[in-house]
Amino acid sequence: MSSIPISWRRAVARVVKIPFVNYLMAWGIRLVVPRQRIGVTLVAQDEEGRVLLLHHVFHPSMPWGLPGGWLNRHEDPAKGIVRELKEETGLTAVPHAILHIQKNNSPAHLDIYYLGHVQPGPITLSAEILEAAWFPIDNLPDSLSPVTRKVIEAAVLKQGTS
């Protein structure tokens, strides 16, 4: 229970409804509240249940991984993952569900992992991708990060319950 009397809280609620005060409050939030980088990643499956993995140029220790990248400023995460997939492979997808959200420290960011289905089409690799391949769930490359394996397993379980 708050020690601030309800009458004071109601008065503050009325004051912040004033457009200029609301504007100042929004600017205060922008200045004071920390920002967070956000990455988006897609577990993309085809009709056979295989997972699309990419051999990334900029991931030397674990080169194979899921499609994904950084969100642009004010970008919707679901639209961001569709954009990233298109940029990296030329493919498009329909994201269905969020599988996992994880905080990472190097660099500090949040990752949002989506489940989705890729629409068929030719693959055109970007300069940051060496290779793209569809892998059966039981034959994934060894060089996957633990979280990548975890979200692929979560996707398989989710697909089994859908």
N, C-alpha and C. Protein backbone atom coordinates (compact mmCIF):
# COMPACT_ATOMS: atom_id res chain seq x y z
N MET A 1 0.84 -1.18 0.00
CA MET A 1 0.00 0.00 0.00
C MET A 1 0.89 1.24 0.00
N SER A 2 0.55 2.19 -0.84
CA SER A 2 1.34 3.41 -0.96
C SER A 2 1.12 4.32 0.24
N SER A 3 2.21 5.02 0.65
CA SER A 3 2.10 5.97 1.75
C SER A 3 1.62 7.34 1.26
N ILE A 4 1.52 7.50 -0.06
CA ILE A 4 1.03 8.76 -0.63
C ILE A 4 -0.50 8.72 -0.62
N PRO A 5 -1.13 9.73 -0.03
CA PRO A 5 -2.61 9.73 0.07
C PRO A 5 -3.26 9.65 -1.32
N ILE A 6 -4.39 9.01 -1.40
CA ILE A 6 -5.13 8.85 -2.64
C ILE A 6 -5.50 10.20 -3.26
N SER A 7 -5.78 11.19 -2.43
CA SER A 7 -6.14 12.51 -2.95
C SER A 7 -4.97 13.11 -3.75
N TRP A 8 -3.74 12.91 -3.27
CA TRP A 8 -2.55 13.40 -3.99
C TRP A 8 -2.37 12.64 -5.31
N ARG A 9 -2.57 11.34 -5.26
CA ARG A 9 -2.41 10.53 -6.48
C ARG A 9 -3.45 10.93 -7.53
N ARG A 10 -4.68 11.21 -7.08
CA ARG A 10 -5.72 11.65 -8.02
C ARG A 10 -5.38 13.01 -8.61
N ALA A 11 -4.82 13.90 -7.79
CA ALA A 11 -4.43 15.23 -8.26
C ALA A 11 -3.33 15.11 -9.33
N VAL A 12 -2.34 14.26 -9.07
CA VAL A 12 -1.26 14.05 -10.05
C VAL A 12 -1.84 13.46 -11.33
N ALA A 13 -2.76 12.51 -11.21
CA ALA A 13 -3.39 11.92 -12.40
C ALA A 13 -4.09 12.98 -13.24
N ARG A 14 -4.72 13.95 -12.60
CA ARG A 14 -5.38 15.05 -13.33
C ARG A 14 -4.36 15.94 -14.01
N VAL A 15 -3.27 16.25 -13.31
CA VAL A 15 -2.25 17.15 -13.86
C VAL A 15 -1.57 16.53 -15.09
N VAL A 16 -1.26 15.24 -15.05
CA VAL A 16 -0.56 14.64 -16.19
C VAL A 16 -1.45 14.50 -17.42
N LYS A 17 -2.74 14.74 -17.26
CA LYS A 17 -3.63 14.76 -18.42
C LYS A 17 -3.52 16.06 -19.21
N ILE A 18 -2.95 17.09 -18.61
CA ILE A 18 -2.77 18.37 -19.30
C ILE A 18 -1.74 18.14 -20.41
N PRO A 19 -2.08 18.47 -21.67
CA PRO A 19 -1.20 18.14 -22.79
C PRO A 19 0.26 18.57 -22.61
N PHE A 20 0.51 19.79 -22.14
CA PHE A 20 1.90 20.23 -21.99
C PHE A 20 2.63 19.41 -20.93
N VAL A 21 1.96 19.11 -19.83
CA VAL A 21 2.58 18.30 -18.77
C VAL A 21 2.84 16.89 -19.29
N ASN A 22 1.89 16.35 -20.05
CA ASN A 22 2.06 15.02 -20.63
C ASN A 22 3.25 15.00 -21.59
N TYR A 23 3.39 16.06 -22.38
CA TYR A 23 4.51 16.20 -23.30
C TYR A 23 5.84 16.22 -22.53
N LEU A 24 5.91 17.01 -21.46
CA LEU A 24 7.13 17.07 -20.64
C LEU A 24 7.44 15.72 -20.00
N MET A 25 6.40 15.03 -19.56
CA MET A 25 6.59 13.71 -18.96
C MET A 25 7.17 12.74 -19.99
N ALA A 26 6.65 12.78 -21.23
CA ALA A 26 7.16 11.90 -22.29
C ALA A 26 8.64 12.19 -22.56
N TRP A 27 9.02 13.46 -22.60
CA TRP A 27 10.42 13.82 -22.81
C TRP A 27 11.28 13.37 -21.62
N GLY A 28 10.76 13.50 -20.43
CA GLY A 28 11.48 13.05 -19.25
C GLY A 28 11.76 11.55 -19.31
N ILE A 29 10.77 10.80 -19.75
CA ILE A 29 10.95 9.35 -19.89
C ILE A 29 12.04 9.06 -20.91
N ARG A 30 12.01 9.75 -22.05
CA ARG A 30 13.03 9.55 -23.08
C ARG A 30 14.44 9.83 -22.56
N LEU A 31 14.55 10.84 -21.70
CA LEU A 31 15.87 11.22 -21.18
C LEU A 31 16.35 10.32 -20.04
N VAL A 32 15.43 9.82 -19.23
CA VAL A 32 15.82 9.13 -18.00
C VAL A 32 15.79 7.60 -18.13
N VAL A 33 14.80 7.05 -18.80
CA VAL A 33 14.64 5.60 -18.86
C VAL A 33 15.68 5.02 -19.81
N PRO A 34 16.43 4.00 -19.39
CA PRO A 34 17.45 3.42 -20.26
C PRO A 34 16.84 2.78 -21.50
N ARG A 35 17.61 2.78 -22.58
CA ARG A 35 17.19 2.13 -23.83
C ARG A 35 17.83 0.76 -23.91
N GLN A 36 17.23 -0.10 -24.70
CA GLN A 36 17.70 -1.47 -24.83
C GLN A 36 17.73 -1.84 -26.31
N ARG A 37 18.85 -2.39 -26.77
CA ARG A 37 18.89 -2.95 -28.13
C ARG A 37 18.01 -4.19 -28.14
N ILE A 38 17.35 -4.42 -29.28
CA ILE A 38 16.50 -5.60 -29.40
C ILE A 38 16.84 -6.33 -30.68
N GLY A 39 17.09 -7.62 -30.54
CA GLY A 39 17.32 -8.48 -31.68
C GLY A 39 16.12 -9.37 -31.90
N VAL A 40 15.90 -9.74 -33.15
CA VAL A 40 14.81 -10.66 -33.48
C VAL A 40 15.39 -11.84 -34.26
N THR A 41 14.84 -13.01 -33.99
CA THR A 41 15.33 -14.24 -34.58
C THR A 41 14.14 -15.10 -34.96
N LEU A 42 14.28 -15.87 -36.04
CA LEU A 42 13.17 -16.68 -36.54
C LEU A 42 13.56 -18.15 -36.62
N VAL A 43 12.75 -18.99 -35.99
CA VAL A 43 12.82 -20.43 -36.23
C VAL A 43 11.85 -20.67 -37.37
N ALA A 44 12.43 -20.80 -38.57
CA ALA A 44 11.62 -20.94 -39.79
C ALA A 44 11.60 -22.40 -40.19
N GLN A 45 10.41 -22.95 -40.31
CA GLN A 45 10.26 -24.33 -40.73
C GLN A 45 9.58 -24.39 -42.09
N ASP A 46 9.93 -25.43 -42.84
CA ASP A 46 9.26 -25.65 -44.12
C ASP A 46 8.17 -26.70 -43.95
N GLU A 47 7.55 -27.10 -45.07
CA GLU A 47 6.45 -28.07 -45.02
C GLU A 47 6.89 -29.43 -44.49
N GLU A 48 8.18 -29.74 -44.61
CA GLU A 48 8.71 -31.03 -44.14
C GLU A 48 9.18 -30.97 -42.69
N GLY A 49 9.03 -29.80 -42.05
CA GLY A 49 9.43 -29.65 -40.66
C GLY A 49 10.91 -29.36 -40.47
N ARG A 50 11.63 -29.13 -41.56
CA ARG A 50 13.05 -28.79 -41.45
C ARG A 50 13.19 -27.32 -41.03
N VAL A 51 14.35 -27.01 -40.46
CA VAL A 51 14.62 -25.66 -39.96
C VAL A 51 15.65 -24.99 -40.87
N LEU A 52 15.38 -23.72 -41.20
CA LEU A 52 16.31 -22.94 -41.99
C LEU A 52 17.41 -22.39 -41.10
N LEU A 53 18.66 -22.75 -41.43
CA LEU A 53 19.82 -22.23 -40.71
C LEU A 53 20.74 -21.52 -41.69
N LEU A 54 21.41 -20.50 -41.19
CA LEU A 54 22.30 -19.71 -42.01
C LEU A 54 23.72 -19.77 -41.45
N HIS A 55 24.68 -19.83 -42.37
CA HIS A 55 26.09 -19.78 -41.99
C HIS A 55 26.50 -18.31 -42.06
N HIS A 56 26.61 -17.68 -40.89
CA HIS A 56 26.83 -16.24 -40.77
C HIS A 56 28.31 -15.87 -40.86
N VAL A 57 28.60 -14.83 -41.60
CA VAL A 57 29.96 -14.30 -41.72
C VAL A 57 30.46 -13.77 -40.37
N PHE A 58 29.61 -13.06 -39.63
CA PHE A 58 30.03 -12.35 -38.43
C PHE A 58 29.85 -13.14 -37.13
N HIS A 59 29.70 -14.44 -37.21
CA HIS A 59 29.57 -15.29 -36.02
C HIS A 59 30.67 -16.35 -36.07
N PRO A 60 31.93 -15.98 -35.86
CA PRO A 60 33.02 -16.93 -36.06
C PRO A 60 33.03 -18.13 -35.11
N SER A 61 32.60 -17.98 -33.87
CA SER A 61 32.67 -19.11 -32.94
C SER A 61 31.54 -20.10 -33.13
N MET A 62 30.39 -19.64 -33.56
CA MET A 62 29.24 -20.51 -33.84
C MET A 62 28.59 -20.02 -35.12
N PRO A 63 29.18 -20.40 -36.27
CA PRO A 63 28.75 -19.80 -37.53
C PRO A 63 27.33 -20.13 -37.98
N TRP A 64 26.84 -21.30 -37.63
CA TRP A 64 25.48 -21.66 -38.04
C TRP A 64 24.49 -21.11 -37.03
N GLY A 65 23.42 -20.50 -37.53
CA GLY A 65 22.41 -19.96 -36.64
C GLY A 65 21.13 -19.66 -37.39
N LEU A 66 20.20 -19.13 -36.67
CA LEU A 66 18.89 -18.80 -37.23
C LEU A 66 18.94 -17.44 -37.92
N PRO A 67 18.03 -17.18 -38.84
CA PRO A 67 17.94 -15.85 -39.44
C PRO A 67 17.53 -14.83 -38.38
N GLY A 68 18.08 -13.62 -38.51
CA GLY A 68 17.69 -12.58 -37.56
C GLY A 68 18.64 -11.41 -37.59
N GLY A 69 18.35 -10.44 -36.74
CA GLY A 69 19.19 -9.25 -36.66
C GLY A 69 18.57 -8.23 -35.72
N TRP A 70 19.06 -6.99 -35.81
CA TRP A 70 18.63 -5.91 -34.93
C TRP A 70 17.36 -5.24 -35.46
N LEU A 71 16.51 -4.86 -34.53
CA LEU A 71 15.35 -4.05 -34.89
C LEU A 71 15.80 -2.63 -35.21
N ASN A 72 15.11 -2.01 -36.15
CA ASN A 72 15.30 -0.59 -36.39
C ASN A 72 14.55 0.19 -35.33
N ARG A 73 14.87 1.44 -35.18
CA ARG A 73 14.21 2.29 -34.19
C ARG A 73 12.70 2.31 -34.45
N HIS A 74 11.91 2.06 -33.43
CA HIS A 74 10.44 2.07 -33.45
C HIS A 74 9.84 0.98 -34.35
N GLU A 75 10.60 -0.02 -34.72
CA GLU A 75 10.10 -1.07 -35.61
C GLU A 75 9.36 -2.14 -34.81
N ASP A 76 8.24 -2.59 -35.34
CA ASP A 76 7.49 -3.69 -34.75
C ASP A 76 8.35 -4.96 -34.86
N PRO A 77 8.52 -5.73 -33.77
CA PRO A 77 9.37 -6.92 -33.83
C PRO A 77 8.96 -7.94 -34.90
N ALA A 78 7.67 -8.19 -35.06
CA ALA A 78 7.22 -9.16 -36.07
C ALA A 78 7.57 -8.67 -37.48
N LYS A 79 7.45 -7.38 -37.72
CA LYS A 79 7.84 -6.83 -39.02
C LYS A 79 9.35 -6.85 -39.18
N GLY A 80 10.06 -6.64 -38.08
CA GLY A 80 11.52 -6.66 -38.12
C GLY A 80 12.07 -8.01 -38.50
N ILE A 81 11.48 -9.09 -38.00
CA ILE A 81 12.02 -10.41 -38.34
C ILE A 81 11.72 -10.74 -39.80
N VAL A 82 10.58 -10.30 -40.30
CA VAL A 82 10.27 -10.50 -41.73
C VAL A 82 11.28 -9.72 -42.58
N ARG A 83 11.59 -8.49 -42.18
CA ARG A 83 12.58 -7.68 -42.91
C ARG A 83 13.95 -8.33 -42.88
N GLU A 84 14.38 -8.79 -41.69
CA GLU A 84 15.70 -9.42 -41.57
C GLU A 84 15.81 -10.67 -42.43
N LEU A 85 14.78 -11.51 -42.42
CA LEU A 85 14.80 -12.72 -43.25
C LEU A 85 14.92 -12.35 -44.73
N LYS A 86 14.15 -11.35 -45.14
CA LYS A 86 14.19 -10.89 -46.53
C LYS A 86 15.58 -10.37 -46.89
N GLU A 87 16.17 -9.56 -46.00
CA GLU A 87 17.50 -9.02 -46.26
C GLU A 87 18.55 -10.12 -46.36
N GLU A 88 18.48 -11.12 -45.48
CA GLU A 88 19.51 -12.16 -45.44
C GLU A 88 19.35 -13.23 -46.50
N THR A 89 18.09 -13.52 -46.88
CA THR A 89 17.87 -14.68 -47.76
C THR A 89 17.01 -14.39 -48.99
N GLY A 90 16.34 -13.25 -49.02
CA GLY A 90 15.40 -12.98 -50.10
C GLY A 90 14.05 -13.65 -49.89
N LEU A 91 13.92 -14.43 -48.82
CA LEU A 91 12.66 -15.14 -48.53
C LEU A 91 11.76 -14.27 -47.66
N THR A 92 10.51 -14.64 -47.59
CA THR A 92 9.58 -13.98 -46.69
C THR A 92 8.92 -15.05 -45.83
N ALA A 93 8.38 -14.62 -44.71
CA ALA A 93 7.79 -15.57 -43.76
C ALA A 93 6.60 -14.93 -43.07
N VAL A 94 5.84 -15.79 -42.43
CA VAL A 94 4.74 -15.35 -41.58
C VAL A 94 5.10 -15.77 -40.16
N PRO A 95 5.45 -14.79 -39.29
CA PRO A 95 5.73 -15.16 -37.89
C PRO A 95 4.44 -15.50 -37.17
N HIS A 96 4.47 -16.58 -36.39
CA HIS A 96 3.26 -17.05 -35.71
C HIS A 96 3.23 -16.76 -34.22
N ALA A 97 4.30 -17.11 -33.54
CA ALA A 97 4.28 -17.01 -32.08
C ALA A 97 5.67 -16.67 -31.58
N ILE A 98 5.72 -16.02 -30.44
CA ILE A 98 7.00 -15.79 -29.76
C ILE A 98 7.32 -17.06 -28.98
N LEU A 99 8.50 -17.60 -29.23
CA LEU A 99 8.94 -18.82 -28.55
C LEU A 99 9.72 -18.53 -27.27
N HIS A 100 10.47 -17.43 -27.29
CA HIS A 100 11.41 -17.20 -26.20
C HIS A 100 11.88 -15.75 -26.24
N ILE A 101 12.13 -15.19 -25.09
CA ILE A 101 12.75 -13.87 -24.98
C ILE A 101 13.91 -14.03 -24.01
N GLN A 102 15.07 -13.50 -24.40
CA GLN A 102 16.25 -13.69 -23.57
C GLN A 102 17.07 -12.41 -23.51
N LYS A 103 17.60 -12.12 -22.32
CA LYS A 103 18.53 -11.00 -22.13
C LYS A 103 19.94 -11.53 -22.36
N ASN A 104 20.70 -10.79 -23.16
CA ASN A 104 22.09 -11.14 -23.44
C ASN A 104 22.99 -9.99 -23.00
N ASN A 105 24.25 -10.32 -22.71
CA ASN A 105 25.15 -9.31 -22.17
C ASN A 105 26.23 -8.82 -23.13
N SER A 106 26.47 -9.52 -24.22
CA SER A 106 27.58 -9.12 -25.07
C SER A 106 27.16 -9.04 -26.53
N PRO A 107 26.78 -7.90 -27.04
CA PRO A 107 26.49 -6.64 -26.34
C PRO A 107 25.15 -6.74 -25.62
N ALA A 108 24.92 -5.86 -24.68
CA ALA A 108 23.68 -5.88 -23.90
C ALA A 108 22.49 -5.69 -24.82
N HIS A 109 21.57 -6.67 -24.81
CA HIS A 109 20.37 -6.59 -25.64
C HIS A 109 19.38 -7.67 -25.23
N LEU A 110 18.16 -7.52 -25.74
CA LEU A 110 17.13 -8.55 -25.62
C LEU A 110 16.99 -9.22 -26.97
N ASP A 111 16.77 -10.52 -26.98
CA ASP A 111 16.46 -11.25 -28.20
C ASP A 111 15.04 -11.79 -28.10
N ILE A 112 14.28 -11.61 -29.17
CA ILE A 112 12.93 -12.17 -29.27
C ILE A 112 12.98 -13.24 -30.35
N TYR A 113 12.63 -14.46 -29.99
CA TYR A 113 12.66 -15.59 -30.91
C TYR A 113 11.24 -15.92 -31.34
N TYR A 114 11.02 -15.90 -32.65
CA TYR A 114 9.71 -16.19 -33.24
C TYR A 114 9.70 -17.55 -33.89
N LEU A 115 8.53 -18.14 -33.94
CA LEU A 115 8.26 -19.32 -34.75
C LEU A 115 7.52 -18.83 -35.99
N GLY A 116 7.88 -19.35 -37.15
CA GLY A 116 7.19 -18.93 -38.36
C GLY A 116 7.41 -19.92 -39.49
N HIS A 117 6.63 -19.75 -40.53
CA HIS A 117 6.78 -20.57 -41.73
C HIS A 117 7.24 -19.69 -42.88
N VAL A 118 8.23 -20.19 -43.59
CA VAL A 118 8.77 -19.46 -44.73
C VAL A 118 7.93 -19.77 -45.95
N GLN A 119 7.67 -18.74 -46.72
CA GLN A 119 6.96 -18.93 -47.99
C GLN A 119 7.98 -19.38 -49.02
N PRO A 120 7.65 -20.40 -49.82
CA PRO A 120 8.60 -20.93 -50.80
C PRO A 120 9.09 -19.86 -51.76
N GLY A 121 10.34 -20.02 -52.17
CA GLY A 121 10.93 -19.10 -53.13
C GLY A 121 12.43 -19.33 -53.23
N PRO A 122 13.06 -18.68 -54.20
CA PRO A 122 14.51 -18.83 -54.35
C PRO A 122 15.25 -18.09 -53.24
N ILE A 123 16.36 -18.67 -52.81
CA ILE A 123 17.18 -18.04 -51.77
C ILE A 123 18.25 -17.19 -52.44
N THR A 124 18.34 -15.93 -52.01
CA THR A 124 19.36 -14.99 -52.45
C THR A 124 20.08 -14.50 -51.22
N LEU A 125 21.34 -14.90 -51.05
CA LEU A 125 22.07 -14.60 -49.83
C LEU A 125 22.64 -13.18 -49.82
N SER A 126 22.58 -12.55 -48.65
CA SER A 126 23.19 -11.23 -48.48
C SER A 126 24.69 -11.42 -48.26
N ALA A 127 25.42 -10.31 -48.22
CA ALA A 127 26.87 -10.34 -48.02
C ALA A 127 27.26 -10.87 -46.65
N GLU A 128 26.33 -10.87 -45.68
CA GLU A 128 26.67 -11.35 -44.34
C GLU A 128 26.38 -12.84 -44.14
N ILE A 129 25.92 -13.52 -45.18
CA ILE A 129 25.58 -14.94 -45.09
C ILE A 129 26.42 -15.72 -46.10
N LEU A 130 27.10 -16.79 -45.64
CA LEU A 130 27.90 -17.63 -46.52
C LEU A 130 27.07 -18.73 -47.19
N GLU A 131 26.09 -19.24 -46.45
CA GLU A 131 25.34 -20.40 -46.92
C GLU A 131 24.01 -20.47 -46.16
N ALA A 132 23.01 -21.01 -46.81
CA ALA A 132 21.71 -21.28 -46.18
C ALA A 132 21.35 -22.72 -46.48
N ALA A 133 20.79 -23.40 -45.48
CA ALA A 133 20.40 -24.80 -45.69
C ALA A 133 19.23 -25.15 -44.77
N TRP A 134 18.42 -26.08 -45.25
CA TRP A 134 17.32 -26.62 -44.45
C TRP A 134 17.81 -27.87 -43.76
N PHE A 135 17.68 -27.92 -42.44
CA PHE A 135 18.17 -29.05 -41.66
C PHE A 135 17.02 -29.78 -40.99
N PRO A 136 17.03 -31.14 -41.08
CA PRO A 136 16.07 -31.90 -40.28
C PRO A 136 16.37 -31.68 -38.80
N ILE A 137 15.36 -31.69 -37.99
CA ILE A 137 15.51 -31.44 -36.55
C ILE A 137 16.51 -32.40 -35.90
N ASP A 138 16.56 -33.63 -36.38
CA ASP A 138 17.46 -34.62 -35.78
C ASP A 138 18.87 -34.61 -36.39
N ASN A 139 19.18 -33.63 -37.24
CA ASN A 139 20.48 -33.57 -37.87
C ASN A 139 20.97 -32.11 -37.97
N LEU A 140 20.98 -31.43 -36.83
CA LEU A 140 21.41 -30.03 -36.79
C LEU A 140 22.93 -29.95 -36.71
N PRO A 141 23.53 -28.87 -37.22
CA PRO A 141 24.99 -28.73 -37.11
C PRO A 141 25.44 -28.66 -35.65
N ASP A 142 26.68 -29.10 -35.41
CA ASP A 142 27.23 -29.07 -34.05
C ASP A 142 27.45 -27.65 -33.56
N SER A 143 27.73 -26.72 -34.47
CA SER A 143 28.13 -25.37 -34.07
C SER A 143 26.94 -24.43 -33.84
N LEU A 144 25.92 -24.93 -33.15
CA LEU A 144 24.79 -24.09 -32.77
C LEU A 144 24.93 -23.69 -31.31
N SER A 145 24.51 -22.48 -30.98
CA SER A 145 24.55 -22.06 -29.58
C SER A 145 23.50 -22.84 -28.79
N PRO A 146 23.70 -22.95 -27.48
CA PRO A 146 22.71 -23.64 -26.65
C PRO A 146 21.30 -23.02 -26.76
N VAL A 147 21.21 -21.69 -26.82
CA VAL A 147 19.89 -21.06 -26.91
C VAL A 147 19.24 -21.37 -28.26
N THR A 148 20.03 -21.47 -29.32
CA THR A 148 19.46 -21.81 -30.62
C THR A 148 18.86 -23.20 -30.58
N ARG A 149 19.57 -24.14 -30.01
CA ARG A 149 19.03 -25.51 -29.86
C ARG A 149 17.76 -25.49 -29.02
N LYS A 150 17.78 -24.71 -27.94
CA LYS A 150 16.63 -24.63 -27.04
C LYS A 150 15.39 -24.12 -27.77
N VAL A 151 15.54 -23.05 -28.56
CA VAL A 151 14.36 -22.50 -29.24
C VAL A 151 13.89 -23.39 -30.38
N ILE A 152 14.81 -24.10 -31.02
CA ILE A 152 14.40 -25.06 -32.06
C ILE A 152 13.59 -26.18 -31.41
N GLU A 153 14.05 -26.67 -30.27
CA GLU A 153 13.29 -27.71 -29.55
C GLU A 153 11.92 -27.18 -29.12
N ALA A 154 11.87 -25.93 -28.66
CA ALA A 154 10.59 -25.32 -28.28
C ALA A 154 9.67 -25.22 -29.48
N ALA A 155 10.23 -24.91 -30.64
CA ALA A 155 9.42 -24.81 -31.87
C ALA A 155 8.83 -26.16 -32.24
N VAL A 156 9.63 -27.21 -32.11
CA VAL A 156 9.15 -28.56 -32.42
C VAL A 156 8.02 -28.94 -31.48
N LEU A 157 8.19 -28.64 -30.17
CA LEU A 157 7.14 -28.94 -29.20
C LEU A 157 5.87 -28.14 -29.51
N LYS A 158 6.04 -26.86 -29.84
CA LYS A 158 4.89 -26.01 -30.14
C LYS A 158 4.14 -26.51 -31.36
N GLN A 159 4.90 -26.93 -32.38
CA GLN A 159 4.28 -27.46 -33.60
C GLN A 159 3.52 -28.75 -33.30
N GLY A 160 4.05 -29.54 -32.37
CA GLY A 160 3.39 -30.79 -32.01
C GLY A 160 2.08 -30.58 -31.28
N THR A 161 1.95 -29.43 -30.61
CA THR A 161 0.72 -29.16 -29.86
C THR A 161 -0.29 -28.33 -30.68
N SER A 162 0.15 -27.81 -31.83
CA SER A 162 -0.75 -26.96 -32.63
C SER A 162 -1.69 -27.78 -33.47
